[in-house]
Amino acid sequence: MAFESDKTMFEIYREKTYTGKYRVVYFTELQDHNKETEINRAMAGEHYMDGFVKNFKKDDAKEIINGLLDRMNNGEPITPEQFAKSLGDHLSS
């Protein structure tokens, strides 16, 4: 079982008020200067999926997420289940 400090909480959402694009926010990486703005953007958007990625090889997980978001923003339909499957062992419970 991973400790709270061994994982990063994220949410994938679709902007409803800005560009309509899919975005990701890593809640546990927010700083005081951007926390409120980023949380408000995510809350105003359409929830797609959320979860935790393991901090071990987190950069690899972020690359996978960014690649999937690029594909989705270019019109490719990807279900949350497919998204999670693509992340595989990078996801934490």
PDB file of N, CA and C in Angstrom:
ATOM      1  N   MET A   1       0.843  -1.186   0.000  1.00  0.00           N
ATOM      2  CA  MET A   1       0.000   0.000   0.000  1.00  0.00           C
ATOM      3  C   MET A   1       0.885   1.244   0.000  1.00  0.00           C
ATOM      4  N   ALA A   2       0.557   2.190  -0.880  1.00  0.00           N
ATOM      5  CA  ALA A   2       1.353   3.403  -0.992  1.00  0.00           C
ATOM      6  C   ALA A   2       0.964   4.391   0.101  1.00  0.00           C
ATOM      7  N   PHE A   3       1.954   5.080   0.610  1.00  0.00           N
ATOM      8  CA  PHE A   3       1.695   6.143   1.571  1.00  0.00           C
ATOM      9  C   PHE A   3       1.180   7.364   0.835  1.00  0.00           C
ATOM     10  N   GLU A   4       0.499   8.230   1.557  1.00  0.00           N
ATOM     11  CA  GLU A   4      -0.038   9.451   0.966  1.00  0.00           C
ATOM     12  C   GLU A   4       1.037  10.238   0.224  1.00  0.00           C
ATOM     13  N   SER A   5       2.245  10.264   0.747  1.00  0.00           N
ATOM     14  CA  SER A   5       3.325  11.040   0.146  1.00  0.00           C
ATOM     15  C   SER A   5       3.958  10.336  -1.044  1.00  0.00           C
ATOM     16  N   ASP A   6       3.563   9.096  -1.332  1.00  0.00           N
ATOM     17  CA  ASP A   6       4.138   8.336  -2.432  1.00  0.00           C
ATOM     18  C   ASP A   6       3.326   8.412  -3.717  1.00  0.00           C
ATOM     19  N   LYS A   7       2.318   9.276  -3.727  1.00  0.00           N
ATOM     20  CA  LYS A   7       1.469   9.370  -4.909  1.00  0.00           C
ATOM     21  C   LYS A   7       1.010  10.807  -5.129  1.00  0.00           C
ATOM     22  N   THR A   8       0.587  11.076  -6.347  1.00  0.00           N
ATOM     23  CA  THR A   8       0.138  12.405  -6.739  1.00  0.00           C
ATOM     24  C   THR A   8      -1.297  12.319  -7.234  1.00  0.00           C
ATOM     25  N   MET A   9      -2.173  13.129  -6.660  1.00  0.00           N
ATOM     26  CA  MET A   9      -3.576  13.145  -7.051  1.00  0.00           C
ATOM     27  C   MET A   9      -3.759  14.007  -8.297  1.00  0.00           C
ATOM     28  N   PHE A  10      -4.553  13.487  -9.244  1.00  0.00           N
ATOM     29  CA  PHE A  10      -4.790  14.230 -10.481  1.00  0.00           C
ATOM     30  C   PHE A  10      -6.260  14.146 -10.874  1.00  0.00           C
ATOM     31  N   GLU A  11      -6.657  15.052 -11.750  1.00  0.00           N
ATOM     32  CA  GLU A  11      -7.975  15.002 -12.367  1.00  0.00           C
ATOM     33  C   GLU A  11      -7.845  15.387 -13.824  1.00  0.00           C
ATOM     34  N   ILE A  12      -8.542  14.635 -14.656  1.00  0.00           N
ATOM     35  CA  ILE A  12      -8.676  14.981 -16.072  1.00  0.00           C
ATOM     36  C   ILE A  12     -10.063  15.593 -16.213  1.00  0.00           C
ATOM     37  N   TYR A  13     -10.145  16.735 -16.874  1.00  0.00           N
ATOM     38  CA  TYR A  13     -11.439  17.389 -17.069  1.00  0.00           C
ATOM     39  C   TYR A  13     -11.457  18.060 -18.429  1.00  0.00           C
ATOM     40  N   ARG A  14     -12.651  18.379 -18.875  1.00  0.00           N
ATOM     41  CA  ARG A  14     -12.813  19.101 -20.139  1.00  0.00           C
ATOM     42  C   ARG A  14     -13.305  20.495 -19.809  1.00  0.00           C
ATOM     43  N   GLU A  15     -12.597  21.485 -20.314  1.00  0.00           N
ATOM     44  CA  GLU A  15     -12.992  22.867 -20.071  1.00  0.00           C
ATOM     45  C   GLU A  15     -14.342  23.141 -20.721  1.00  0.00           C
ATOM     46  N   LYS A  16     -15.229  23.767 -19.985  1.00  0.00           N
ATOM     47  CA  LYS A  16     -16.534  24.138 -20.521  1.00  0.00           C
ATOM     48  C   LYS A  16     -16.599  25.627 -20.841  1.00  0.00           C
ATOM     49  N   THR A  17     -15.787  26.416 -20.165  1.00  0.00           N
ATOM     50  CA  THR A  17     -15.893  27.861 -20.339  1.00  0.00           C
ATOM     51  C   THR A  17     -14.750  28.462 -21.145  1.00  0.00           C
ATOM     52  N   TYR A  18     -13.718  27.685 -21.457  1.00  0.00           N
ATOM     53  CA  TYR A  18     -12.571  28.249 -22.169  1.00  0.00           C
ATOM     54  C   TYR A  18     -12.482  27.646 -23.566  1.00  0.00           C
ATOM     55  N   THR A  19     -11.662  26.670 -23.762  1.00  0.00           N
ATOM     56  CA  THR A  19     -11.384  26.135 -25.094  1.00  0.00           C
ATOM     57  C   THR A  19     -12.112  24.846 -25.416  1.00  0.00           C
ATOM     58  N   GLY A  20     -12.707  24.194 -24.422  1.00  0.00           N
ATOM     59  CA  GLY A  20     -13.344  22.908 -24.649  1.00  0.00           C
ATOM     60  C   GLY A  20     -12.360  21.759 -24.722  1.00  0.00           C
ATOM     61  N   LYS A  21     -11.115  22.031 -24.387  1.00  0.00           N
ATOM     62  CA  LYS A  21     -10.071  21.012 -24.454  1.00  0.00           C
ATOM     63  C   LYS A  21      -9.992  20.241 -23.141  1.00  0.00           C
ATOM     64  N   TYR A  22      -9.467  19.028 -23.263  1.00  0.00           N
ATOM     65  CA  TYR A  22      -9.204  18.214 -22.082  1.00  0.00           C
ATOM     66  C   TYR A  22      -7.920  18.693 -21.426  1.00  0.00           C
ATOM     67  N   ARG A  23      -7.924  18.740 -20.126  1.00  0.00           N
ATOM     68  CA  ARG A  23      -6.782  19.219 -19.345  1.00  0.00           C
ATOM     69  C   ARG A  23      -6.565  18.305 -18.150  1.00  0.00           C
ATOM     70  N   VAL A  24      -5.387  18.429 -17.555  1.00  0.00           N
ATOM     71  CA  VAL A  24      -5.077  17.695 -16.335  1.00  0.00           C
ATOM     72  C   VAL A  24      -4.621  18.684 -15.277  1.00  0.00           C
ATOM     73  N   VAL A  25      -4.978  18.413 -14.050  1.00  0.00           N
ATOM     74  CA  VAL A  25      -4.466  19.172 -12.914  1.00  0.00           C
ATOM     75  C   VAL A  25      -3.936  18.163 -11.905  1.00  0.00           C
ATOM     76  N   TYR A  26      -2.736  18.420 -11.424  1.00  0.00           N
ATOM     77  CA  TYR A  26      -2.112  17.586 -10.400  1.00  0.00           C
ATOM     78  C   TYR A  26      -2.276  18.321  -9.075  1.00  0.00           C
ATOM     79  N   PHE A  27      -3.305  17.972  -8.339  1.00  0.00           N
ATOM     80  CA  PHE A  27      -3.667  18.720  -7.140  1.00  0.00           C
ATOM     81  C   PHE A  27      -2.551  18.780  -6.108  1.00  0.00           C
ATOM     82  N   THR A  28      -1.861  17.690  -5.907  1.00  0.00           N
ATOM     83  CA  THR A  28      -0.845  17.654  -4.856  1.00  0.00           C
ATOM     84  C   THR A  28       0.438  18.377  -5.248  1.00  0.00           C
ATOM     85  N   GLU A  29       0.498  18.915  -6.463  1.00  0.00           N
ATOM     86  CA  GLU A  29       1.665  19.692  -6.889  1.00  0.00           C
ATOM     87  C   GLU A  29       1.385  21.187  -6.935  1.00  0.00           C
ATOM     88  N   LEU A  30       0.164  21.582  -6.632  1.00  0.00           N
ATOM     89  CA  LEU A  30      -0.191  23.000  -6.698  1.00  0.00           C
ATOM     90  C   LEU A  30       0.502  23.775  -5.586  1.00  0.00           C
ATOM     91  N   GLN A  31       0.835  25.002  -5.909  1.00  0.00           N
ATOM     92  CA  GLN A  31       1.457  25.914  -4.959  1.00  0.00           C
ATOM     93  C   GLN A  31       0.407  26.930  -4.516  1.00  0.00           C
ATOM     94  N   ASP A  32       0.704  27.660  -3.474  1.00  0.00           N
ATOM     95  CA  ASP A  32      -0.255  28.647  -2.959  1.00  0.00           C
ATOM     96  C   ASP A  32      -0.665  29.667  -4.015  1.00  0.00           C
ATOM     97  N   HIS A  33       0.254  30.065  -4.889  1.00  0.00           N
ATOM     98  CA  HIS A  33      -0.050  31.107  -5.863  1.00  0.00           C
ATOM     99  C   HIS A  33      -0.986  30.644  -6.983  1.00  0.00           C
ATOM    100  N   ASN A  34      -1.098  29.333  -7.245  1.00  0.00           N
ATOM    101  CA  ASN A  34      -1.954  28.876  -8.337  1.00  0.00           C
ATOM    102  C   ASN A  34      -3.034  27.887  -7.890  1.00  0.00           C
ATOM    103  N   LYS A  35      -3.069  27.565  -6.637  1.00  0.00           N
ATOM    104  CA  LYS A  35      -3.988  26.539  -6.136  1.00  0.00           C
ATOM    105  C   LYS A  35      -5.443  26.894  -6.419  1.00  0.00           C
ATOM    106  N   GLU A  36      -5.873  28.049  -6.000  1.00  0.00           N
ATOM    107  CA  GLU A  36      -7.277  28.435  -6.138  1.00  0.00           C
ATOM    108  C   GLU A  36      -7.709  28.499  -7.605  1.00  0.00           C
ATOM    109  N   THR A  37      -6.879  29.093  -8.449  1.00  0.00           N
ATOM    110  CA  THR A  37      -7.204  29.226  -9.874  1.00  0.00           C
ATOM    111  C   THR A  37      -7.347  27.867 -10.532  1.00  0.00           C
ATOM    112  N   GLU A  38      -6.393  26.980 -10.310  1.00  0.00           N
ATOM    113  CA  GLU A  38      -6.420  25.661 -10.949  1.00  0.00           C
ATOM    114  C   GLU A  38      -7.581  24.811 -10.444  1.00  0.00           C
ATOM    115  N   ILE A  39      -7.856  24.860  -9.163  1.00  0.00           N
ATOM    116  CA  ILE A  39      -8.984  24.095  -8.617  1.00  0.00           C
ATOM    117  C   ILE A  39     -10.304  24.634  -9.168  1.00  0.00           C
ATOM    118  N   ASN A  40     -10.441  25.954  -9.260  1.00  0.00           N
ATOM    119  CA  ASN A  40     -11.661  26.543  -9.806  1.00  0.00           C
ATOM    120  C   ASN A  40     -11.866  26.152 -11.264  1.00  0.00           C
ATOM    121  N   ARG A  41     -10.789  26.124 -12.045  1.00  0.00           N
ATOM    122  CA  ARG A  41     -10.894  25.703 -13.450  1.00  0.00           C
ATOM    123  C   ARG A  41     -11.373  24.263 -13.548  1.00  0.00           C
ATOM    124  N   ALA A  42     -10.784  23.401 -12.743  1.00  0.00           N
ATOM    125  CA  ALA A  42     -11.174  21.988 -12.769  1.00  0.00           C
ATOM    126  C   ALA A  42     -12.628  21.822 -12.333  1.00  0.00           C
ATOM    127  N   MET A  43     -13.025  22.542 -11.310  1.00  0.00           N
ATOM    128  CA  MET A  43     -14.400  22.429 -10.803  1.00  0.00           C
ATOM    129  C   MET A  43     -15.414  22.956 -11.821  1.00  0.00           C
ATOM    130  N   ALA A  44     -15.033  23.948 -12.611  1.00  0.00           N
ATOM    131  CA  ALA A  44     -15.928  24.504 -13.622  1.00  0.00           C
ATOM    132  C   ALA A  44     -16.005  23.609 -14.851  1.00  0.00           C
ATOM    133  N   GLY A  45     -15.048  22.706 -14.995  1.00  0.00           N
ATOM    134  CA  GLY A  45     -15.012  21.830 -16.158  1.00  0.00           C
ATOM    135  C   GLY A  45     -15.872  20.597 -15.988  1.00  0.00           C
ATOM    136  N   GLU A  46     -15.895  19.808 -17.045  1.00  0.00           N
ATOM    137  CA  GLU A  46     -16.640  18.548 -17.053  1.00  0.00           C
ATOM    138  C   GLU A  46     -15.693  17.422 -16.644  1.00  0.00           C
ATOM    139  N   HIS A  47     -15.990  16.802 -15.517  1.00  0.00           N
ATOM    140  CA  HIS A  47     -15.130  15.738 -14.986  1.00  0.00           C
ATOM    141  C   HIS A  47     -15.031  14.587 -15.980  1.00  0.00           C
ATOM    142  N   TYR A  48     -13.813  14.097 -16.197  1.00  0.00           N
ATOM    143  CA  TYR A  48     -13.583  12.945 -17.066  1.00  0.00           C
ATOM    144  C   TYR A  48     -13.119  11.748 -16.242  1.00  0.00           C
ATOM    145  N   MET A  49     -12.058  11.930 -15.471  1.00  0.00           N
ATOM    146  CA  MET A  49     -11.583  10.886 -14.562  1.00  0.00           C
ATOM    147  C   MET A  49     -10.613  11.491 -13.570  1.00  0.00           C
ATOM    148  N   ASP A  50     -10.373  10.775 -12.487  1.00  0.00           N
ATOM    149  CA  ASP A  50      -9.387  11.225 -11.511  1.00  0.00           C
ATOM    150  C   ASP A  50      -8.736  10.003 -10.890  1.00  0.00           C
ATOM    151  N   GLY A  51      -7.701  10.263 -10.139  1.00  0.00           N
ATOM    152  CA  GLY A  51      -7.011   9.171  -9.480  1.00  0.00           C
ATOM    153  C   GLY A  51      -5.682   9.626  -8.923  1.00  0.00           C
ATOM    154  N   PHE A  52      -4.826   8.659  -8.704  1.00  0.00           N
ATOM    155  CA  PHE A  52      -3.495   8.908  -8.171  1.00  0.00           C
ATOM    156  C   PHE A  52      -2.473   8.204  -9.047  1.00  0.00           C
ATOM    157  N   VAL A  53      -1.358   8.882  -9.322  1.00  0.00           N
ATOM    158  CA  VAL A  53      -0.224   8.226  -9.969  1.00  0.00           C
ATOM    159  C   VAL A  53       0.882   8.078  -8.940  1.00  0.00           C
ATOM    160  N   LYS A  54       1.590   6.970  -9.045  1.00  0.00           N
ATOM    161  CA  LYS A  54       2.707   6.726  -8.139  1.00  0.00           C
ATOM    162  C   LYS A  54       3.810   7.743  -8.423  1.00  0.00           C
ATOM    163  N   ASN A  55       4.439   8.230  -7.380  1.00  0.00           N
ATOM    164  CA  ASN A  55       5.537   9.181  -7.569  1.00  0.00           C
ATOM    165  C   ASN A  55       6.757   8.529  -8.204  1.00  0.00           C
ATOM    166  N   PHE A  56       6.898   7.204  -8.029  1.00  0.00           N
ATOM    167  CA  PHE A  56       7.983   6.483  -8.686  1.00  0.00           C
ATOM    168  C   PHE A  56       7.705   6.488 -10.183  1.00  0.00           C
ATOM    169  N   LYS A  57       8.569   7.079 -10.957  1.00  0.00           N
ATOM    170  CA  LYS A  57       8.424   7.232 -12.413  1.00  0.00           C
ATOM    171  C   LYS A  57       7.224   8.103 -12.782  1.00  0.00           C
ATOM    172  N   LYS A  58       6.959   9.114 -11.963  1.00  0.00           N
ATOM    173  CA  LYS A  58       5.839  10.025 -12.198  1.00  0.00           C
ATOM    174  C   LYS A  58       5.983  10.753 -13.527  1.00  0.00           C
ATOM    175  N   ASP A  59       7.211  11.082 -13.910  1.00  0.00           N
ATOM    176  CA  ASP A  59       7.409  11.773 -15.186  1.00  0.00           C
ATOM    177  C   ASP A  59       6.959  10.917 -16.367  1.00  0.00           C
ATOM    178  N   ASP A  60       7.161   9.604 -16.271  1.00  0.00           N
ATOM    179  CA  ASP A  60       6.676   8.697 -17.314  1.00  0.00           C
ATOM    180  C   ASP A  60       5.150   8.733 -17.381  1.00  0.00           C
ATOM    181  N   ALA A  61       4.507   8.727 -16.227  1.00  0.00           N
ATOM    182  CA  ALA A  61       3.044   8.783 -16.173  1.00  0.00           C
ATOM    183  C   ALA A  61       2.544  10.096 -16.782  1.00  0.00           C
ATOM    184  N   LYS A  62       3.216  11.186 -16.490  1.00  0.00           N
ATOM    185  CA  LYS A  62       2.808  12.483 -17.041  1.00  0.00           C
ATOM    186  C   LYS A  62       2.947  12.505 -18.556  1.00  0.00           C
ATOM    187  N   GLU A  63       3.973  11.873 -19.088  1.00  0.00           N
ATOM    188  CA  GLU A  63       4.132  11.787 -20.542  1.00  0.00           C
ATOM    189  C   GLU A  63       2.987  11.005 -21.164  1.00  0.00           C
ATOM    190  N   ILE A  64       2.598   9.905 -20.536  1.00  0.00           N
ATOM    191  CA  ILE A  64       1.474   9.110 -21.031  1.00  0.00           C
ATOM    192  C   ILE A  64       0.199   9.947 -20.996  1.00  0.00           C
ATOM    193  N   ILE A  65      -0.043  10.626 -19.879  1.00  0.00           N
ATOM    194  CA  ILE A  65      -1.239  11.466 -19.747  1.00  0.00           C
ATOM    195  C   ILE A  65      -1.250  12.551 -20.811  1.00  0.00           C
ATOM    196  N   ASN A  66      -0.140  13.239 -21.002  1.00  0.00           N
ATOM    197  CA  ASN A  66      -0.077  14.303 -22.009  1.00  0.00           C
ATOM    198  C   ASN A  66      -0.319  13.767 -23.413  1.00  0.00           C
ATOM    199  N   GLY A  67       0.215  12.597 -23.715  1.00  0.00           N
ATOM    200  CA  GLY A  67      -0.017  11.982 -25.020  1.00  0.00           C
ATOM    201  C   GLY A  67      -1.479  11.640 -25.237  1.00  0.00           C
ATOM    202  N   LEU A  68      -2.109  11.092 -24.209  1.00  0.00           N
ATOM    203  CA  LEU A  68      -3.536  10.763 -24.301  1.00  0.00           C
ATOM    204  C   LEU A  68      -4.382  12.020 -24.445  1.00  0.00           C
ATOM    205  N   LEU A  69      -4.035  13.075 -23.706  1.00  0.00           N
ATOM    206  CA  LEU A  69      -4.771  14.334 -23.823  1.00  0.00           C
ATOM    207  C   LEU A  69      -4.629  14.924 -25.217  1.00  0.00           C
ATOM    208  N   ASP A  70      -3.437  14.859 -25.797  1.00  0.00           N
ATOM    209  CA  ASP A  70      -3.236  15.339 -27.172  1.00  0.00           C
ATOM    210  C   ASP A  70      -4.144  14.585 -28.143  1.00  0.00           C
ATOM    211  N   ARG A  71      -4.199  13.270 -27.982  1.00  0.00           N
ATOM    212  CA  ARG A  71      -5.047  12.464 -28.859  1.00  0.00           C
ATOM    213  C   ARG A  71      -6.513  12.832 -28.684  1.00  0.00           C
ATOM    214  N   MET A  72      -6.950  12.999 -27.443  1.00  0.00           N
ATOM    215  CA  MET A  72      -8.342  13.355 -27.185  1.00  0.00           C
ATOM    216  C   MET A  72      -8.668  14.744 -27.720  1.00  0.00           C
ATOM    217  N   ASN A  73      -7.739  15.673 -27.568  1.00  0.00           N
ATOM    218  CA  ASN A  73      -7.964  17.040 -28.056  1.00  0.00           C
ATOM    219  C   ASN A  73      -7.924  17.121 -29.573  1.00  0.00           C
ATOM    220  N   ASN A  74      -7.423  16.078 -30.214  1.00  0.00           N
ATOM    221  CA  ASN A  74      -7.442  15.994 -31.673  1.00  0.00           C
ATOM    222  C   ASN A  74      -8.621  15.168 -32.167  1.00  0.00           C
ATOM    223  N   GLY A  75      -9.561  14.848 -31.254  1.00  0.00           N
ATOM    224  CA  GLY A  75     -10.803  14.217 -31.649  1.00  0.00           C
ATOM    225  C   GLY A  75     -10.885  12.716 -31.464  1.00  0.00           C
ATOM    226  N   GLU A  76      -9.834  12.085 -30.973  1.00  0.00           N
ATOM    227  CA  GLU A  76      -9.877  10.635 -30.776  1.00  0.00           C
ATOM    228  C   GLU A  76     -10.678  10.304 -29.518  1.00  0.00           C
ATOM    229  N   PRO A  77     -11.693   9.467 -29.655  1.00  0.00           N
ATOM    230  CA  PRO A  77     -12.471   9.096 -28.467  1.00  0.00           C
ATOM    231  C   PRO A  77     -11.727   8.053 -27.631  1.00  0.00           C
ATOM    232  N   ILE A  78     -11.495   8.377 -26.388  1.00  0.00           N
ATOM    233  CA  ILE A  78     -10.825   7.474 -25.445  1.00  0.00           C
ATOM    234  C   ILE A  78     -11.691   7.427 -24.193  1.00  0.00           C
ATOM    235  N   THR A  79     -12.070   6.241 -23.794  1.00  0.00           N
ATOM    236  CA  THR A  79     -12.899   6.107 -22.595  1.00  0.00           C
ATOM    237  C   THR A  79     -12.018   6.229 -21.345  1.00  0.00           C
ATOM    238  N   PRO A  80     -12.624   6.562 -20.210  1.00  0.00           N
ATOM    239  CA  PRO A  80     -11.843   6.586 -18.974  1.00  0.00           C
ATOM    240  C   PRO A  80     -11.185   5.233 -18.673  1.00  0.00           C
ATOM    241  N   GLU A  81     -11.855   4.156 -19.033  1.00  0.00           N
ATOM    242  CA  GLU A  81     -11.277   2.829 -18.812  1.00  0.00           C
ATOM    243  C   GLU A  81     -10.030   2.619 -19.661  1.00  0.00           C
ATOM    244  N   GLN A  82     -10.077   3.056 -20.914  1.00  0.00           N
ATOM    245  CA  GLN A  82      -8.905   2.958 -21.800  1.00  0.00           C
ATOM    246  C   GLN A  82      -7.776   3.848 -21.287  1.00  0.00           C
ATOM    247  N   PHE A  83      -8.149   5.015 -20.777  1.00  0.00           N
ATOM    248  CA  PHE A  83      -7.174   5.945 -20.231  1.00  0.00           C
ATOM    249  C   PHE A  83      -6.447   5.284 -19.067  1.00  0.00           C
ATOM    250  N   ALA A  84      -7.214   4.711 -18.141  1.00  0.00           N
ATOM    251  CA  ALA A  84      -6.628   4.050 -16.977  1.00  0.00           C
ATOM    252  C   ALA A  84      -5.769   2.864 -17.392  1.00  0.00           C
ATOM    253  N   LYS A  85      -6.230   2.112 -18.373  1.00  0.00           N
ATOM    254  CA  LYS A  85      -5.460   0.960 -18.848  1.00  0.00           C
ATOM    255  C   LYS A  85      -4.125   1.400 -19.442  1.00  0.00           C
ATOM    256  N   SER A  86      -4.120   2.529 -20.128  1.00  0.00           N
ATOM    257  CA  SER A  86      -2.881   3.052 -20.716  1.00  0.00           C
ATOM    258  C   SER A  86      -1.878   3.445 -19.636  1.00  0.00           C
ATOM    259  N   LEU A  87      -2.382   3.906 -18.498  1.00  0.00           N
ATOM    260  CA  LEU A  87      -1.499   4.269 -17.393  1.00  0.00           C
ATOM    261  C   LEU A  87      -0.975   3.043 -16.647  1.00  0.00           C
ATOM    262  N   GLY A  88      -1.733   1.965 -16.691  1.00  0.00           N
ATOM    263  CA  GLY A  88      -1.298   0.684 -16.131  1.00  0.00           C
ATOM    264  C   GLY A  88      -0.745   0.785 -14.713  1.00  0.00           C
ATOM    265  N   ASP A  89       0.481   0.309 -14.540  1.00  0.00           N
ATOM    266  CA  ASP A  89       1.113   0.256 -13.226  1.00  0.00           C
ATOM    267  C   ASP A  89       1.454   1.626 -12.640  1.00  0.00           C
ATOM    268  N   HIS A  90       1.302   2.674 -13.428  1.00  0.00           N
ATOM    269  CA  HIS A  90       1.572   4.014 -12.909  1.00  0.00           C
ATOM    270  C   HIS A  90       0.465   4.481 -11.964  1.00  0.00           C
ATOM    271  N   LEU A  91      -0.729   3.884 -12.097  1.00  0.00           N
ATOM    272  CA  LEU A  91      -1.833   4.259 -11.205  1.00  0.00           C
ATOM    273  C   LEU A  91      -1.641   3.652  -9.826  1.00  0.00           C
ATOM    274  N   SER A  92      -2.044   4.416  -8.837  1.00  0.00           N
ATOM    275  CA  SER A  92      -1.990   3.967  -7.456  1.00  0.00           C
ATOM    276  C   SER A  92      -3.400   3.980  -6.900  1.00  0.00           C
ATOM    277  N   SER A  93      -3.637   3.169  -5.903  1.00  0.00           N
ATOM    278  CA  SER A  93      -4.986   3.155  -5.316  1.00  0.00           C
ATOM    279  C   SER A  93      -5.049   4.062  -4.111  1.00  0.00           C
TER     280      SER A  93
END
